[in-house]
Amino acid sequence: MSPAAPGEPGLSERVDTEALMVTVGSQVRVLRKMHGLTLEETGQRSGISTGLLSQIERGRANPSFNTLAQLAHALDVPIGRLFHYAEQKPPPVVRAKERRSLDFHERKDDASHSLLTPSLEGALEVVWVEAPPGYDTSQTPFAHPGEEFGIVLEGQHEIYLDGVCYQLGPGDSITYSSTIPHWYHNPGPAVMKAIWVITPPSF
């Protein structure tokens, strides 16, 4: 292997930089989701374009110190927090009493969502869902990249895919592309309990 030309970074330096970019991107994504922020909202807070934020989260951009400072301020963390290495992973087991709530804007008529995976850093987002009778998200349909799988454990659940209603009861499951506009309704009379799997994580 020929040596690097003068002024050109060596292989080890390039590898270290690439690893650091991936680490920073992973931390930005995790912190953003912990705050319940979309890319657009984070961009508005930080003054950084959505396109650049997306590249940073995927480890494909080498942001300047000023950009990192803006991100840290927007995410309300010290700038050093963005450099925490991926080796600092949470334990693989999630105890029932230690599930992390994914509800950042709770209302009395809202469903509750609890994370069953240790974090949102992996390829899967697995969520425990409990929806009260009358729960209805038809006013705010969801659509995002990825795929979803859900299985109803208790109660009744209606899943609308681009306006088509699929009725599920205990033991019934459904799989669909998350790019299809979708929303949910619990026709009652009991609380609906289900497990939902999303890949990649959307929260």
Foldseek 3Di string as FASTA:
>chain_A
DDADDPPDDGPVVVVVQLQQLQLLLLLLVQLCQVLVHDLVRLCVQLVHDSVVNVCSNNSNDRDDPSSLVSSCVSSVHPSVSSRDHPVPADDAAADPVRWQWSDPPDDPQAKTWTFRGRGLSDFKTKIKIKGAAFDWDVVPWFADFWKKKKAWQAAKKWKAFLRDTDIDHHGDMDIDGRRTGMIMHHNDDGIIIMMMMTGNDDD
